[in-house]
């Protein structure tokens, strides 16, 4: 076998493989013999038909089968011998195959780039933290009161933030109604921001039996592309204004809303305090990870093969579409495939660069995970999930991960990434900053 590799671009390679006539003839003999055992020709017993007659009659089938087997048996070896790591499957250009001239084919591929990680040592980092104050606990308990409020109709009341309004509405763009823009007797709690920005605020002050025209602009990245960025008018008819009656904070409230069996309000406050500590610590870790990843991304930006970015973009888009489907939204009606790709291709490129960078650091610093570490990490993941979703069976969840190599590969990748972040923190310059809980939890959500 003779292999020639030609560079066609930064990542494009043309791999031409030539198989000598002797090997082709041997493969054809094997295929003819296989055919002789399975086909019947008039006047001949099974397996006794002349080989030349079989080869003449089934020439096309023999050539196709032998060519396919030769590609299968030589392509991977050709890549290994020339240290090529293709991004995806090749585009094949297959030449003629014969006993006399042998066989050749050309595989056009894009190859994975090589990377030496940069800018991951001596990073200057800021770790944000928050001390949980009594006011933070008060705020959460007030939110619990509001979520357990009972609403009563208030005649003659002008709607305020926190009130419920019962209304009919119909939306118009360019004086035309649009699909999904109308509802009757819809119950909306003002201030929950369930509608597009600006909608709920314009209903404040409205009274029962009042007509209100709400003028809004759909966000540029609205999930329905035919509405994104457009101005709309919603013609609203308010039927009722309801005011909330908040429950008293007492032992019954602690038991019913906070799941506290003993200790009453003080036990509820302690439970809220502990939850906020965990939320703050989790948010702090997330922000530190984002800071590290942002610095790694900027230090390791590089050109990438189009095929690699397209693969990542498709996987990302498929996952996002799946989330929309779970919410009852048809993603295919939202935008075209090209629009999806245009929106998420840059994100896909960043994800590829970060994945390559993390992998390169892992190799450079010999950071990996053994089976004991992996098992402990999986147990920790499951414990955290059960803590947030008490109905989950931990043993079934563990079996679900263990039965699939791809899932376990994702668990291992997360663990290695965590260990790399720990390494970067240990080898970086860290400053600590204490801010309010509200500031901490809102970091990264601005805009």
Protein backbone atom coordinates (compact mmCIF):
# COMPACT_ATOMS: atom_id res chain seq x y z
CA UNK A 1 0.00 0.00 0.00
CA UNK A 2 1.28 3.41 -0.98
CA UNK A 3 -0.09 6.56 0.71
CA UNK A 4 0.36 10.17 -0.39
CA UNK A 5 -0.83 13.08 1.76
CA UNK A 6 -1.29 16.49 0.16
CA UNK A 7 -2.04 19.67 2.11
CA UNK A 8 -4.91 21.58 0.53
CA UNK A 9 -5.26 24.20 3.26
CA UNK A 10 -4.57 24.82 6.94
CA UNK A 11 -6.73 21.86 7.98
CA UNK A 12 -7.59 20.21 4.65
CA UNK A 13 -5.76 17.07 3.59
CA UNK A 14 -6.06 14.91 0.50
CA UNK A 15 -5.06 11.33 1.32
CA UNK A 16 -4.49 9.12 -1.74
CA UNK A 17 -4.17 5.39 -1.11
CA UNK A 18 -2.91 3.02 -3.84
CA UNK A 19 -3.40 -0.74 -3.51
CA UNK A 20 -1.14 -2.96 -5.66
CA UNK A 21 -2.65 -5.23 -8.28
CA UNK A 22 -1.51 -8.36 -6.45
CA UNK A 23 -3.59 -7.56 -3.35
CA UNK A 24 -6.59 -6.57 -5.46
CA UNK A 25 -6.39 -9.88 -7.37
CA UNK A 26 -6.29 -11.82 -4.10
CA UNK A 27 -9.35 -9.99 -2.78
CA UNK A 28 -11.23 -10.56 -6.03
CA UNK A 29 -10.42 -14.29 -5.89
CA UNK A 30 -11.84 -14.43 -2.35
CA UNK A 31 -15.02 -12.62 -3.43
CA UNK A 32 -15.48 -14.86 -6.50
CA UNK A 33 -15.09 -17.94 -4.30
CA UNK A 34 -17.70 -16.56 -1.88
CA UNK A 35 -20.10 -15.96 -4.76
CA UNK A 36 -19.53 -19.47 -6.10
CA UNK A 37 -20.94 -20.91 -2.88
CA UNK A 38 -24.06 -18.77 -2.90
CA UNK A 39 -25.20 -18.26 -6.51
CA UNK A 40 -26.69 -20.80 -8.94
CA UNK A 41 -25.95 -20.79 -12.67
CA UNK A 42 -27.94 -22.92 -15.11
CA UNK A 43 -26.13 -26.17 -15.92
CA UNK A 44 -23.74 -26.08 -12.98
CA UNK A 45 -23.92 -27.60 -9.53
CA UNK A 46 -23.49 -25.21 -6.55
CA UNK A 47 -19.84 -24.19 -6.23
CA UNK A 48 -18.86 -25.69 -9.63
CA UNK A 49 -19.47 -22.72 -11.95
CA UNK A 50 -16.26 -21.52 -13.70
CA UNK A 51 -14.69 -18.57 -11.88
CA UNK A 52 -14.19 -16.60 -15.08
CA UNK A 53 -17.88 -16.95 -15.88
CA UNK A 54 -18.83 -15.82 -12.38
CA UNK A 55 -16.46 -12.86 -12.52
CA UNK A 56 -17.77 -11.82 -15.92
CA UNK A 57 -21.42 -12.07 -14.93
CA UNK A 58 -21.04 -10.38 -11.51
CA UNK A 59 -18.24 -7.97 -12.38
CA UNK A 60 -19.96 -4.86 -10.96
CA UNK A 61 -20.93 -6.52 -7.70
CA UNK A 62 -17.44 -7.98 -7.20
CA UNK A 63 -15.68 -4.69 -7.90
CA UNK A 64 -18.00 -2.77 -5.53
CA UNK A 65 -17.60 -5.29 -2.72
CA UNK A 66 -13.82 -5.53 -3.03
CA UNK A 67 -13.44 -1.75 -3.25
CA UNK A 68 -15.53 -1.25 -0.10
CA UNK A 69 -13.53 -3.84 1.83
CA UNK A 70 -10.21 -2.38 0.70
CA UNK A 71 -11.22 1.11 1.85
CA UNK A 72 -12.40 -0.27 5.20
CA UNK A 73 -9.17 -2.18 5.73
CA UNK A 74 -6.70 0.51 4.64
CA UNK A 75 -8.18 3.93 5.51
CA UNK A 76 -7.60 3.79 9.28
CA UNK A 77 -4.10 2.42 8.78
CA UNK A 78 -3.27 5.22 6.34
CA UNK A 79 -4.36 7.80 8.93
CA UNK A 80 -2.34 6.16 11.70
CA UNK A 81 0.77 5.83 9.58
CA UNK A 82 0.65 9.55 8.75
CA UNK A 83 -0.43 10.77 12.20
CA UNK A 84 -3.68 12.26 10.91
CA UNK A 85 -6.68 12.82 13.18
CA UNK A 86 -9.69 13.62 11.01
CA UNK A 87 -12.50 15.79 12.35
CA UNK A 88 -15.19 13.66 10.72
CA UNK A 89 -15.87 11.16 7.95
CA UNK A 90 -14.03 11.66 4.65
CA UNK A 91 -15.28 12.62 1.22
CA UNK A 92 -14.24 9.67 -0.93
CA UNK A 93 -13.17 9.81 -4.56
CA UNK A 94 -12.89 6.20 -5.70
CA UNK A 95 -10.79 5.22 -8.71
CA UNK A 96 -11.12 2.20 -10.99
CA UNK A 97 -10.41 -1.27 -9.64
CA UNK A 98 -8.98 -4.13 -11.71
CA UNK A 99 -6.73 -7.14 -11.45
CA UNK A 100 -4.22 -5.55 -13.79
CA UNK A 101 -4.03 -1.98 -12.42
CA UNK A 102 -4.89 -2.42 -8.76
CA UNK A 103 -7.03 0.14 -6.96
CA UNK A 104 -6.74 3.69 -5.66
CA UNK A 105 -8.93 6.12 -3.81
CA UNK A 106 -8.61 9.60 -2.35
CA UNK A 107 -10.04 10.63 1.00
CA UNK A 108 -10.51 14.36 1.50
CA UNK A 109 -10.59 15.21 5.21
CA UNK A 110 -10.24 18.04 7.65
CA UNK A 111 -7.80 17.28 10.47
CA UNK A 112 -7.87 18.25 14.12
CA UNK A 113 -5.64 21.19 14.99
CA UNK A 114 -2.83 20.78 17.48
CA UNK A 115 -2.75 23.02 20.52
CA UNK A 116 -0.18 24.04 23.11
CA UNK A 117 -2.10 25.70 25.96
CA UNK A 118 -1.23 29.28 26.78
CA UNK A 119 -2.04 31.68 29.59
CA UNK A 120 -3.18 29.21 32.22
CA UNK A 121 -0.44 29.78 34.79
CA UNK A 122 -0.25 32.66 37.26
CA UNK A 123 -3.76 33.91 36.47
CA UNK A 124 -4.99 36.89 38.45
CA UNK A 125 -8.37 35.88 39.85
CA UNK A 126 -11.07 37.35 42.09
CA UNK A 127 -13.18 35.10 44.29
CA UNK A 128 -16.48 36.70 45.24
CA UNK A 129 -18.29 35.73 48.42
CA UNK A 130 -21.24 36.94 50.49
CA UNK A 131 -22.09 36.88 54.16
CA UNK A 132 -25.71 35.94 54.68
CA UNK A 133 -27.49 38.70 56.62
CA UNK A 134 -30.77 38.60 58.51
CA UNK A 135 -32.24 40.81 55.78
CA UNK A 136 -31.44 38.11 53.21
CA UNK A 137 -33.37 35.56 55.22
CA UNK A 138 -36.23 38.05 55.64
CA UNK A 139 -36.35 38.57 51.88
CA UNK A 140 -36.62 34.84 51.16
CA UNK A 141 -39.37 34.38 53.74
CA UNK A 142 -41.25 37.31 52.21
CA UNK A 143 -40.96 35.62 48.80
CA UNK A 144 -42.33 32.44 50.38
CA UNK A 145 -45.26 34.44 51.75
CA UNK A 146 -45.99 35.91 48.32
CA UNK A 147 -45.79 32.52 46.60
CA UNK A 148 -48.35 31.20 49.11
CA UNK A 149 -50.62 34.23 48.94
CA UNK A 150 -54.36 33.93 48.36
CA UNK A 151 -55.82 36.53 46.01
CA UNK A 152 -59.14 38.21 46.56
CA UNK A 153 -61.03 40.45 44.16
CA UNK A 154 -60.77 44.14 45.05
CA UNK A 155 -63.52 46.26 43.49
CA UNK A 156 -62.45 49.72 42.34
CA UNK A 157 -58.77 49.03 43.05
CA UNK A 158 -56.10 50.25 40.64
CA UNK A 159 -53.72 47.37 39.97
CA UNK A 160 -50.33 47.52 41.67
CA UNK A 161 -47.18 45.46 41.43
CA UNK A 162 -47.88 42.17 43.22
CA UNK A 163 -51.59 42.21 42.33
CA UNK A 164 -53.24 39.79 39.95
CA UNK A 165 -55.21 40.96 36.96
CA UNK A 166 -57.63 38.79 35.01
CA UNK A 167 -57.69 39.96 31.41
CA UNK A 168 -58.34 39.20 27.76
CA UNK A 169 -55.65 40.29 25.31
CA UNK A 170 -54.89 40.15 21.61
CA UNK A 171 -51.60 41.18 20.04
CA UNK A 172 -51.13 42.97 16.72
CA UNK A 173 -48.03 43.60 14.61
CA UNK A 174 -48.51 46.04 11.73
CA UNK A 175 -52.23 46.01 12.55
CA UNK A 176 -52.40 42.26 11.95
CA UNK A 177 -53.05 39.68 14.71
CA UNK A 178 -50.36 37.03 15.08
CA UNK A 179 -50.51 33.38 16.10
CA UNK A 180 -50.23 32.74 19.82
CA UNK A 181 -50.82 36.40 20.68
CA UNK A 182 -54.30 36.15 22.19
CA UNK A 183 -55.87 34.73 25.33
CA UNK A 184 -59.06 35.10 27.39
CA UNK A 185 -59.45 35.34 31.17
CA UNK A 186 -55.69 35.10 31.57
CA UNK A 187 -54.48 35.44 35.18
CA UNK A 188 -51.31 37.55 35.38
CA UNK A 189 -49.43 38.50 38.55
CA UNK A 190 -47.83 41.90 38.00
CA UNK A 191 -44.13 41.97 38.76
CA UNK A 192 -43.35 38.32 37.99
CA UNK A 193 -42.04 39.34 34.55
CA UNK A 194 -43.63 36.39 32.78
CA UNK A 195 -44.39 38.49 29.68
CA UNK A 196 -42.05 40.43 27.40
CA UNK A 197 -40.39 43.50 28.96
CA UNK A 198 -42.70 46.47 29.47
CA UNK A 199 -45.97 44.56 29.26
CA UNK A 200 -46.82 44.16 32.93
CA UNK A 201 -45.75 47.67 33.93
CA UNK A 202 -48.34 49.20 31.59
CA UNK A 203 -51.13 47.34 33.39
CA UNK A 204 -50.26 48.95 36.72
CA UNK A 205 -52.98 51.45 37.51
CA UNK A 206 -55.62 49.63 35.47
CA UNK A 207 -59.03 48.90 37.00
CA UNK A 208 -61.70 46.28 36.32
CA UNK A 209 -63.69 46.78 33.10
CA UNK A 210 -60.97 49.04 31.72
CA UNK A 211 -59.47 48.72 28.20
CA UNK A 212 -55.72 49.19 27.98
CA UNK A 213 -53.49 49.31 24.88
CA UNK A 214 -50.08 47.89 25.80
CA UNK A 215 -47.27 48.90 23.43
CA UNK A 216 -44.11 46.78 23.50
CA UNK A 217 -41.17 45.76 21.35
CA UNK A 218 -40.28 42.07 21.10
CA UNK A 219 -36.67 41.27 22.06
CA UNK A 220 -34.20 40.92 19.18
CA UNK A 221 -33.60 37.29 20.23
CA UNK A 222 -37.26 36.40 20.72
CA UNK A 223 -37.93 32.69 20.13
CA UNK A 224 -40.28 33.42 17.18
CA UNK A 225 -38.10 34.99 14.50
CA UNK A 226 -41.13 36.51 12.72
CA UNK A 227 -41.75 38.65 15.83
CA UNK A 228 -38.17 39.32 16.97
CA UNK A 229 -37.41 43.03 17.23
CA UNK A 230 -40.88 44.12 16.08
CA UNK A 231 -43.21 46.61 17.72
CA UNK A 232 -46.57 45.27 18.85
CA UNK A 233 -49.78 46.49 20.42
CA UNK A 234 -51.75 44.28 22.78
CA UNK A 235 -55.38 45.29 23.18
CA UNK A 236 -56.28 44.28 26.73
CA UNK A 237 -59.61 44.09 28.56
CA UNK A 238 -59.20 43.95 32.35
CA UNK A 239 -61.95 41.93 34.04
CA UNK A 240 -60.73 41.76 37.64
CA UNK A 241 -58.04 43.13 39.91
CA UNK A 242 -57.13 40.86 42.80
CA UNK A 243 -55.04 41.81 45.80
CA UNK A 244 -52.84 39.30 47.69
CA UNK A 245 -53.54 38.22 51.24
CA UNK A 246 -50.20 37.07 52.64
CA UNK A 247 -50.05 34.33 55.29
CA UNK A 248 -48.71 35.14 58.74
CA UNK A 249 -45.22 33.91 59.52
CA UNK A 250 -45.93 31.47 62.33
CA UNK A 251 -45.31 27.82 63.16
CA UNK A 252 -48.09 26.68 60.82
CA UNK A 253 -46.51 28.66 57.98
CA UNK A 254 -43.09 27.17 58.78
CA UNK A 255 -44.54 23.68 58.58
CA UNK A 256 -46.73 24.18 55.50
CA UNK A 257 -44.38 26.32 53.40
CA UNK A 258 -40.94 25.40 54.69
CA UNK A 259 -41.37 21.73 55.49
CA UNK A 260 -40.25 22.34 59.10
CA UNK A 261 -41.70 19.72 61.45
CA UNK A 262 -40.15 21.01 64.66
CA UNK A 263 -38.73 24.32 65.84
CA UNK A 264 -41.23 26.59 64.15
CA UNK A 265 -40.18 29.93 62.69
CA UNK A 266 -36.65 29.84 64.11
CA UNK A 267 -36.04 26.44 62.53
CA UNK A 268 -37.41 27.80 59.23
CA UNK A 269 -35.03 30.77 59.37
CA UNK A 270 -32.11 28.42 60.06
CA UNK A 271 -33.12 26.24 57.11
CA UNK A 272 -33.33 29.29 54.83
CA UNK A 273 -29.94 30.50 56.12
CA UNK A 274 -28.30 27.16 55.30
CA UNK A 275 -29.86 27.12 51.85
CA UNK A 276 -28.61 30.63 51.10
CA UNK A 277 -25.09 29.69 52.22
CA UNK A 278 -25.11 26.80 49.73
CA UNK A 279 -26.50 29.01 46.97
CA UNK A 280 -23.82 31.65 47.62
CA UNK A 281 -21.03 29.08 47.60
CA UNK A 282 -22.33 27.52 44.39
CA UNK A 283 -22.64 30.92 42.71
CA UNK A 284 -19.13 31.84 43.83
CA UNK A 285 -17.73 28.68 42.26
CA UNK A 286 -19.66 29.31 39.04
CA UNK A 287 -18.35 32.87 38.76
CA UNK A 288 -14.77 31.78 39.44
CA UNK A 289 -15.07 29.09 36.79
CA UNK A 290 -16.45 31.63 34.30
CA UNK A 291 -13.60 34.01 35.04
CA UNK A 292 -11.03 31.28 34.46
CA UNK A 293 -12.70 30.07 31.27
CA UNK A 294 -12.93 33.62 29.91
CA UNK A 295 -9.20 34.10 30.42
CA UNK A 296 -8.38 30.72 28.89
CA UNK A 297 -10.55 31.50 25.89
CA UNK A 298 -8.89 34.85 25.23
CA UNK A 299 -5.39 33.38 25.62
CA UNK A 300 -6.02 30.43 23.29
CA UNK A 301 -8.14 31.77 20.43
CA UNK A 302 -7.18 30.00 17.25
CA UNK A 303 -8.40 29.07 13.80
CA UNK A 304 -10.54 25.95 13.65
CA UNK A 305 -11.71 23.57 10.92
CA UNK A 306 -15.18 24.49 9.69
CA UNK A 307 -16.33 20.91 10.03
CA UNK A 308 -15.39 20.82 13.72
CA UNK A 309 -17.27 24.03 14.51
CA UNK A 310 -20.30 22.92 12.48
CA UNK A 311 -20.46 19.63 14.39
CA UNK A 312 -20.40 21.42 17.74
CA UNK A 313 -22.95 23.99 16.57
CA UNK A 314 -25.33 21.25 15.44
CA UNK A 315 -25.03 19.43 18.76
CA UNK A 316 -25.64 22.68 20.64
CA UNK A 317 -28.63 23.61 18.48
CA UNK A 318 -30.15 20.13 18.79
CA UNK A 319 -29.99 20.39 22.58
CA UNK A 320 -31.57 23.86 22.60
CA UNK A 321 -34.31 22.69 20.23
CA UNK A 322 -35.00 19.78 22.56
CA UNK A 323 -35.45 22.21 25.46
CA UNK A 324 -37.94 24.24 23.44
CA UNK A 325 -39.86 21.09 22.54
CA UNK A 326 -40.08 20.17 26.22
CA UNK A 327 -41.69 23.57 26.79
CA UNK A 328 -44.24 22.93 24.06
CA UNK A 329 -42.60 25.29 21.55
CA UNK A 330 -41.94 24.11 17.99
CA UNK A 331 -38.32 25.15 17.28
CA UNK A 332 -38.70 24.56 13.54
CA UNK A 333 -41.28 27.35 13.41
CA UNK A 334 -38.97 29.76 15.17
CA UNK A 335 -36.28 30.23 12.53
CA UNK A 336 -34.56 28.57 9.58
CA UNK A 337 -31.66 26.16 9.97
CA UNK A 338 -29.30 28.84 8.65
CA UNK A 339 -30.61 31.33 11.22
CA UNK A 340 -30.05 28.78 13.98
CA UNK A 341 -26.51 28.22 12.75
CA UNK A 342 -25.77 31.94 12.44
CA UNK A 343 -26.94 32.54 16.00
CA UNK A 344 -24.99 29.75 17.68
CA UNK A 345 -21.87 29.27 15.55
CA UNK A 346 -19.74 31.72 17.56
CA UNK A 347 -20.77 30.02 20.80
CA UNK A 348 -19.89 26.65 19.27
CA UNK A 349 -16.45 27.96 18.28
CA UNK A 350 -15.80 29.15 21.84
CA UNK A 351 -16.89 25.78 23.23
CA UNK A 352 -14.53 23.93 20.89
CA UNK A 353 -11.58 26.17 21.81
CA UNK A 354 -12.25 25.73 25.52
CA UNK A 355 -12.61 21.98 25.16
CA UNK A 356 -9.32 21.76 23.29
CA UNK A 357 -7.62 24.04 25.82
CA UNK A 358 -8.80 22.02 28.80
CA UNK A 359 -7.68 18.82 27.07
CA UNK A 360 -4.27 20.32 26.28
CA UNK A 361 -3.78 21.46 29.90
CA UNK A 362 -4.78 17.99 31.08
CA UNK A 363 -2.06 16.45 28.91
CA UNK A 364 0.53 19.14 29.66
CA UNK A 365 0.14 18.84 33.44
CA UNK A 366 -0.83 15.15 33.57
CA UNK A 367 -4.18 15.89 35.18
CA UNK A 368 -6.57 12.97 34.92
CA UNK A 369 -8.98 10.89 36.97
CA UNK A 370 -8.71 7.31 38.18
CA UNK A 371 -11.65 4.99 38.80
CA UNK A 372 -11.77 5.72 42.53
CA UNK A 373 -11.97 9.48 41.92
CA UNK A 374 -14.55 8.99 39.20
CA UNK A 375 -16.74 6.84 41.44
CA UNK A 376 -16.54 9.38 44.27
CA UNK A 377 -17.37 12.23 41.88
CA UNK A 378 -20.40 10.36 40.53
CA UNK A 379 -21.64 9.72 44.08
CA UNK A 380 -21.27 13.44 44.85
CA UNK A 381 -23.19 14.42 41.69
CA UNK A 382 -26.00 12.04 42.57
CA UNK A 383 -26.12 13.25 46.19
CA UNK A 384 -26.48 16.86 45.01
CA UNK A 385 -29.21 15.89 42.54
CA UNK A 386 -31.14 13.96 45.19
CA UNK A 387 -30.83 16.99 47.49
CA UNK A 388 -32.51 19.16 44.87
CA UNK A 389 -34.93 16.47 43.64
CA UNK A 390 -35.84 14.23 46.61
CA UNK A 391 -37.90 11.83 44.47
CA UNK A 392 -34.85 10.62 42.52
CA UNK A 393 -33.68 7.06 43.27
CA UNK A 394 -29.87 7.32 43.70
CA UNK A 395 -29.17 3.69 42.81
CA UNK A 396 -31.20 3.87 39.60
CA UNK A 397 -29.48 7.11 38.69
CA UNK A 398 -26.06 5.58 39.26
CA UNK A 399 -26.97 2.57 37.12
CA UNK A 400 -28.21 4.94 34.38
CA UNK A 401 -24.79 6.58 34.22
CA UNK A 402 -22.79 3.37 34.56
CA UNK A 403 -24.58 1.55 31.75
CA UNK A 404 -23.52 4.10 29.12
CA UNK A 405 -19.88 4.84 28.24
CA UNK A 406 -20.75 8.21 26.74
CA UNK A 407 -22.49 9.36 29.92
CA UNK A 408 -19.57 8.21 32.04
CA UNK A 409 -17.25 10.00 29.63
CA UNK A 410 -19.14 13.23 30.34
CA UNK A 411 -18.83 12.63 34.09
CA UNK A 412 -15.10 12.09 33.69
CA UNK A 413 -14.75 15.25 31.60
CA UNK A 414 -16.50 17.30 34.29
CA UNK A 415 -14.25 15.85 36.97
CA UNK A 416 -11.07 16.53 35.01
CA UNK A 417 -12.26 20.08 34.33
CA UNK A 418 -12.87 20.62 38.05
CA UNK A 419 -9.38 19.34 38.83
CA UNK A 420 -7.87 21.65 36.21
CA UNK A 421 -9.73 24.62 37.72
CA UNK A 422 -8.38 23.65 41.15
CA UNK A 423 -4.86 23.46 39.66
CA UNK A 424 -5.23 26.88 38.04
CA UNK A 425 -6.50 28.37 41.32
CA UNK A 426 -3.60 26.81 43.25
CA UNK A 427 -1.10 28.22 40.74
CA UNK A 428 -2.78 31.60 40.35
CA UNK A 429 -2.92 34.89 42.24
CA UNK A 430 -6.19 35.05 44.14
CA UNK A 431 -7.89 38.04 45.73
CA UNK A 432 -11.08 37.68 47.77
CA UNK A 433 -13.93 40.17 47.69
CA UNK A 434 -17.04 40.18 49.85
CA UNK A 435 -20.26 41.63 48.40
CA UNK A 436 -23.93 41.48 49.26
CA UNK A 437 -25.85 38.28 48.56
CA UNK A 438 -28.11 40.08 46.10
CA UNK A 439 -25.10 41.40 44.16
CA UNK A 440 -23.51 37.96 44.13
CA UNK A 441 -26.60 36.14 42.90
CA UNK A 442 -27.20 38.76 40.20
CA UNK A 443 -23.65 38.59 38.85
CA UNK A 444 -23.61 37.23 35.32
CA UNK A 445 -27.31 37.93 34.77
CA UNK A 446 -27.03 41.62 33.95
CA UNK A 447 -28.74 42.52 30.67
